[in-house]
Structures are given as C-alpha cells and as structure tokens.
Amino acid sequence: MPVGVGVTALALAASGSIAVDADQTAPPAAMAPVNDLPNPYQTIEGWAKLPNGRPWGSTSAVGIDKDGVSVWVAERCGANSCWNAQAGKTSDVDVIMKFDATGTMVKSFGAGMFIFPHGMFVDRDGNIWLTDGQDNLPRRPRGAAADAPMPAPPAKIIGHQVIKFSPDGKVLMTLGKAGGARDPGFFYQPNAVCVAPDGTIFVAEGHSSSAGSTARILKFSKDGTLIKTFGTFGSGPDQFDQPHALAMDSRGRLFVGDRNNNRVQVFDQDFHLLASWPQFSRPSGLVIDAKDTIYVADSESESISRNNGMHGHEGWKRGIRIGSAKDGTVQYFIPDPVENATNTSGAEGIAVDPKGVIYGAEVGSRSLKKYVKK
C-alpha cells in the first residue's frame, strides 16, 4: 500500500485563494471553511427543455459532447429512480439526452436500461459512459417480517453496471454483473467513471456510508479487463467513504471526490497518493478542464452532514468551488442560493465546456443549471 501524503492548509492569501502544501507529512490540519471568495458567474435556469412537457427528474450525470458545445445529461425518469416497484417495471422514457446550444433536445436513448443513472463521462471519441447505482432485485416491503416471502423477481435484472454507448446510442461495452456483485466481483453502487487518454478505465463504487460498505476504485484496460482494485472503507489515506466523483488532469493524475471524508484525493494511475485536499469541501462532482482548472460541486455540506449523522462539515456552504488542479488553490465560489436546505441541494454532477461555461446537474431541485461568466 502506498504511503499517505498529508497536507497543511495555509492562511487565506490576499488574492482570495487558498494554497495547500502537498509535501508535508503531518496529518491534515483542520481549516476554516472556504466560503468567502468571488463569484464571477451568473446562473441561467430552465435553458434545457424536455419535449412534450416532460418533467425533469433528479440528475447527477452531465457531460460535454465532442463538439464542445452540445450537452449530454441523464436523468432519473421524472423522479429519483427509473424503477417503479409497485408496477414491477422500469420507466419507458429515454434517460440519456443530448441538448444543443439552444437547450433543444436533439437526441435521446437508453429507455428501460437503467434504474439509477448516476455518473457520466464523455470520452475523446464522443462515446458516452454512464453508471447505474442501483438495481431492480426484489425486496420485501418496508415493515415486512424478516421471513415474509420475497416478491417475484422482474423478467430482467438490471443495475450496478457501467455502460458505454456510441453517440447514436449503440451499446459498445458493459462492465459489471447485472444486478450487482461484491468483491471479487463488481459492481455495487458504482458512482463515477473516468477514461484516460490511452483508454484505461477507472470506476469508483460505494454510495453508502457504513461499516462493510464497498468503497474502492477499479482500474480496467481499454477492452474492459480488470487490472486492479484499490481502497477500502474508512478515513485513512488509502481509504474512501463514498468515492463519489472522478476526474483526470493533463498530467494523468486521478482525482477522487471522497465525499463523506470531505476531501479530494489525488493519485497517480497506480494509486500512489500524491495529495489530499480538504479546501474544496464535500465533493459530489468533479471536472478538470484543458487548462487544469478544477471545478468541484458540493451539494451536501451542513444539511446532509447535520441531519444524517455523517462526518460533520458545519460552516461550509454548498456550491461550486473553482481553482487550480496544479496546486490546489481555490479562486472562486458559486454559492448554492438555497439556504438551510434539509437535503441535497445545488449541483451534484458538473461539466464545463471549452469556453468555460459550467453545467450543474441537480438531484434535489431536479434541474440542469448553466453558469456563465458575468
């Protein structure tokens, strides 16, 4: 196992950014919340329209098309799940959609293929990768006795997989066992997928936060062969608690949004820890652009921590923190306008186009927002 590298938070600089020294060996120091930074963005709501009055469902999956302008998004069938347990079937609406620059939907596919679309990645060839974080296996009704008979299984078991699509919706690759599997199998609650320039695939799994939770990163060759797995559940330097997002910088370093540990972990592709950054708060979503600007979406600080008994993050405001993936400085902050939320709020998934326009996919408000420089 690699040796963990601690970080020490430095004082707030006069420029309004936070610097972090990644070469220290001391444990991470507690730091003051990074909330009071400039916000040079304006928020645009309701720009993307679903056809025929279809309502938006929760969404955390968003990515930029190869053309650099169009936006891909996957939403949860007008709700927070595409599985109708009462009817015993999945929704028949397409979950993966492409929007042009005007917000008009120009393509869609994926109906009946997902239960809980969660993390999206658009690779350099324009292919769309999407994780499914739940399954449709039968469960006893809430409150039923432990020995009550199980409902009949659905005709087709799906979920807990990663599926690669062509831009036209053709399935090119499927990773994981339908319905899920735990070590040595995979996946259980895959959260995010990231593909390196050479085609190497990384998948983060483990959405629950409890002892025995799956919490690891899996590395695959470009043909889908498992190379190695890394990480266990916990808060140590080589552990994760809800590894919720993945991104890669221009140097090929892998960034992991270790959400319930309130940190971004930076690794090389062999999982040697290079840095641990708490200054981006509680990361639900990560994206790094071609200039190595990092955008981190925090949709849970304070409210989720306080109300669900998770690792506290009091005083940190929800929103999008923007800085440098090179040195960890935080330069800007787009605050979540919802005050005192009792559940997830603001962007969870995040994408940025070549012009620096940010797109935030929201679970709580069931929307896709756009952020442009003022």
Foldseek 3Di string as FASTA:
>chain_A
DFDFFAKEWDDQDPLLKTFIDRHHRDHYDDDAASDDFAAQKDWDFPQADDPPPQAFAFWQEKEAFLVLFKIKTFTARSYQWQADLVVQAGAQDFGIFIAGNRNYTDATHDGRAETGWAYWDQDNQGKIKTAHFAKSAWDDPPPDDPPDDTDDGHPDIAHQKIFIAHPRGHTDDIAFDRRADDPVGDDHRWAYWDADPQQKIKIFGFQAADPPTAGWIWIAHNVRHTDDIFEGDDQDSRHAGCQHEWEAAPVQWIWTQRALNQWIWIAHPVRHTRGIGNNQGRFLEWYADNVQKIKGFFFAAPQNCVQVVTDHRPPHFGFIWIGGNVGRMTRHTDGFPDPPDNGGGWFRHWYAGPVGKIWGRGNPVSTIMIMDRD
